[in-house]
Amino acid sequence: MPKPLILCIDDEELGLRIRKIVLEREGYRVETAINGTIGLTIFEGQEIDAVVLDYFMPGMNGGEVAAEMRRMKPEVPILLLSAYINLPQDVISAVDSTILKGDGPEVLLTKVREVLPPKADTMEDGGLV
């Protein structure tokens, strides 16, 4: 069974690369996008298991991207990454969890594990008679 596919969207390339490395070291597959438009294209075209999304980006901000993702695939969990503590309530309600920029990689990994739906256990052949 393939590992979960995480989509990371952030206009800051260094942060994006670091998150990709952290998530891949934990066994996740990772797609990245440097803006919301590219992120939405990837999101629409692939089976994404979770999204890590920056809030403050030029063009579409993370709240706008999250709202569009919810319209497209409401079952996919979204983690919003932000340096801002006081995000608008409509943005908070469109995501499953938030992460403050500057929190360590262990916080990211914990939040990703929390929002990913548990995979159905597979039974080995011959498990039932």
Protein backbone atom coordinates (compact mmCIF):
# COMPACT_ATOMS: atom_id res chain seq x y z
CA MET A 1 0.00 0.00 0.00
CA PRO A 2 1.52 3.38 -0.96
CA LYS A 3 2.43 5.83 1.75
CA PRO A 4 0.17 8.89 2.17
CA LEU A 5 0.73 11.71 -0.31
CA ILE A 6 1.11 15.14 1.29
CA LEU A 7 0.82 18.34 -0.74
CA CYS A 8 2.87 21.25 0.64
CA ILE A 9 2.13 24.74 -0.67
CA ASP A 10 4.32 27.72 0.25
CA ASP A 11 5.85 30.62 -1.68
CA GLU A 12 9.01 30.39 0.46
CA GLU A 13 11.10 27.77 -1.31
CA LEU A 14 13.45 27.08 1.61
CA GLY A 15 10.59 26.27 3.99
CA LEU A 16 8.99 24.15 1.31
CA ARG A 17 12.19 22.13 0.79
CA ILE A 18 12.65 21.64 4.54
CA ARG A 19 9.08 20.39 5.02
CA LYS A 20 9.51 18.04 2.05
CA ILE A 21 12.68 16.55 3.58
CA VAL A 22 11.09 16.19 7.03
CA LEU A 23 7.97 14.49 5.67
CA GLU A 24 9.87 12.21 3.28
CA ARG A 25 12.18 11.06 6.09
CA GLU A 26 9.04 9.88 7.90
CA GLY A 27 8.03 7.86 4.84
CA TYR A 28 5.44 10.20 3.32
CA ARG A 29 5.34 10.96 -0.38
CA VAL A 30 5.39 14.73 -0.96
CA GLU A 31 4.32 17.03 -3.79
CA THR A 32 5.18 20.73 -3.56
CA ALA A 33 3.81 23.92 -5.07
CA ILE A 34 5.17 27.48 -4.85
CA ASN A 35 1.75 29.15 -5.03
CA GLY A 36 -1.94 28.49 -4.56
CA THR A 37 -2.75 28.20 -8.26
CA ILE A 38 -0.17 25.46 -8.84
CA GLY A 39 -1.23 23.80 -5.59
CA LEU A 40 -4.88 23.68 -6.69
CA THR A 41 -3.88 22.11 -10.01
CA ILE A 42 -1.93 19.37 -8.22
CA PHE A 43 -4.72 18.94 -5.66
CA GLU A 44 -7.33 18.49 -8.36
CA GLY A 45 -5.28 16.06 -10.44
CA GLN A 46 -3.92 13.70 -7.79
CA GLU A 47 -5.16 11.67 -4.85
CA ILE A 48 -3.83 13.87 -2.06
CA ASP A 49 -4.13 12.52 1.50
CA ALA A 50 -3.41 15.81 3.32
CA VAL A 51 -2.32 19.39 2.62
CA VAL A 52 0.17 21.59 4.46
CA LEU A 53 -0.67 25.11 3.32
CA ASP A 54 0.99 28.46 4.04
CA TYR A 55 -1.38 31.29 4.85
CA PHE A 56 0.46 34.39 3.64
CA MET A 57 1.24 34.06 -0.07
CA PRO A 58 1.01 36.49 -2.96
CA GLY A 59 -1.96 36.05 -5.28
CA MET A 60 -4.24 33.63 -3.45
CA ASN A 61 -3.71 33.45 0.30
CA GLY A 62 -4.01 30.19 2.17
CA GLY A 63 -7.57 30.94 3.24
CA GLU A 64 -8.70 31.29 -0.36
CA VAL A 65 -6.83 28.14 -1.39
CA ALA A 66 -8.33 26.17 1.54
CA ALA A 67 -11.86 27.32 0.66
CA GLU A 68 -11.43 26.14 -2.93
CA MET A 69 -9.97 22.83 -1.78
CA ARG A 70 -12.93 22.29 0.55
CA ARG A 71 -15.27 22.87 -2.39
CA MET A 72 -13.35 20.38 -4.56
CA LYS A 73 -12.54 17.59 -2.06
CA PRO A 74 -13.99 18.31 1.38
CA GLU A 75 -12.67 15.06 2.86
CA VAL A 76 -8.98 15.96 2.46
CA PRO A 77 -7.51 17.36 5.69
CA ILE A 78 -5.79 20.75 5.52
CA LEU A 79 -3.12 22.03 7.92
CA LEU A 80 -2.64 25.77 7.74
CA LEU A 81 0.85 27.10 8.41
CA SER A 82 1.09 30.71 9.55
CA ALA A 83 3.22 33.19 11.42
CA TYR A 84 0.00 34.98 12.40
CA ILE A 85 -1.74 34.10 15.65
CA ASN A 86 -5.01 35.91 14.92
CA LEU A 87 -6.24 34.39 11.69
CA PRO A 88 -9.76 35.24 10.47
CA GLN A 89 -12.43 32.87 11.81
CA ASP A 90 -13.61 31.89 8.32
CA VAL A 91 -10.06 30.74 7.54
CA ILE A 92 -9.77 28.74 10.78
CA SER A 93 -13.10 27.04 10.10
CA ALA A 94 -11.96 25.99 6.59
CA VAL A 95 -8.98 23.98 7.87
CA ASP A 96 -8.52 21.00 10.15
CA SER A 97 -5.58 22.31 12.13
CA THR A 98 -3.08 25.15 12.29
CA ILE A 99 0.67 25.21 12.81
CA LEU A 100 2.70 28.26 13.75
CA LYS A 101 5.68 28.94 11.53
CA GLY A 102 8.73 28.39 13.67
CA ASP A 103 7.33 25.30 15.38
CA GLY A 104 9.77 22.46 15.00
CA PRO A 105 9.48 19.50 12.64
CA GLU A 106 8.11 17.31 15.43
CA VAL A 107 5.02 19.56 15.62
CA LEU A 108 4.49 19.26 11.87
CA LEU A 109 4.78 15.48 12.00
CA THR A 110 2.44 15.21 14.97
CA LYS A 111 -0.21 17.39 13.29
CA VAL A 112 0.05 15.45 10.02
CA ARG A 113 -0.42 12.15 11.90
CA GLU A 114 -3.42 13.60 13.75
CA VAL A 115 -5.30 14.67 10.62
CA LEU A 116 -4.55 11.72 8.36
CA PRO A 117 -7.41 9.25 8.31
CA PRO A 118 -6.40 5.83 9.60
CA LYS A 119 -5.87 3.36 6.77
CA ALA A 120 -8.15 0.36 6.78
CA ASP A 121 -6.39 -2.69 8.12
CA THR A 122 -5.94 -5.32 5.46
CA MET A 123 -6.69 -8.93 6.29
CA GLU A 124 -4.41 -11.65 5.05
CA ASP A 125 -5.87 -14.25 2.73
CA GLY A 126 -7.59 -16.98 4.63
CA GLY A 127 -8.42 -14.73 7.60
CA LEU A 128 -12.08 -15.69 7.52
CA VAL A 129 -13.56 -19.14 6.86
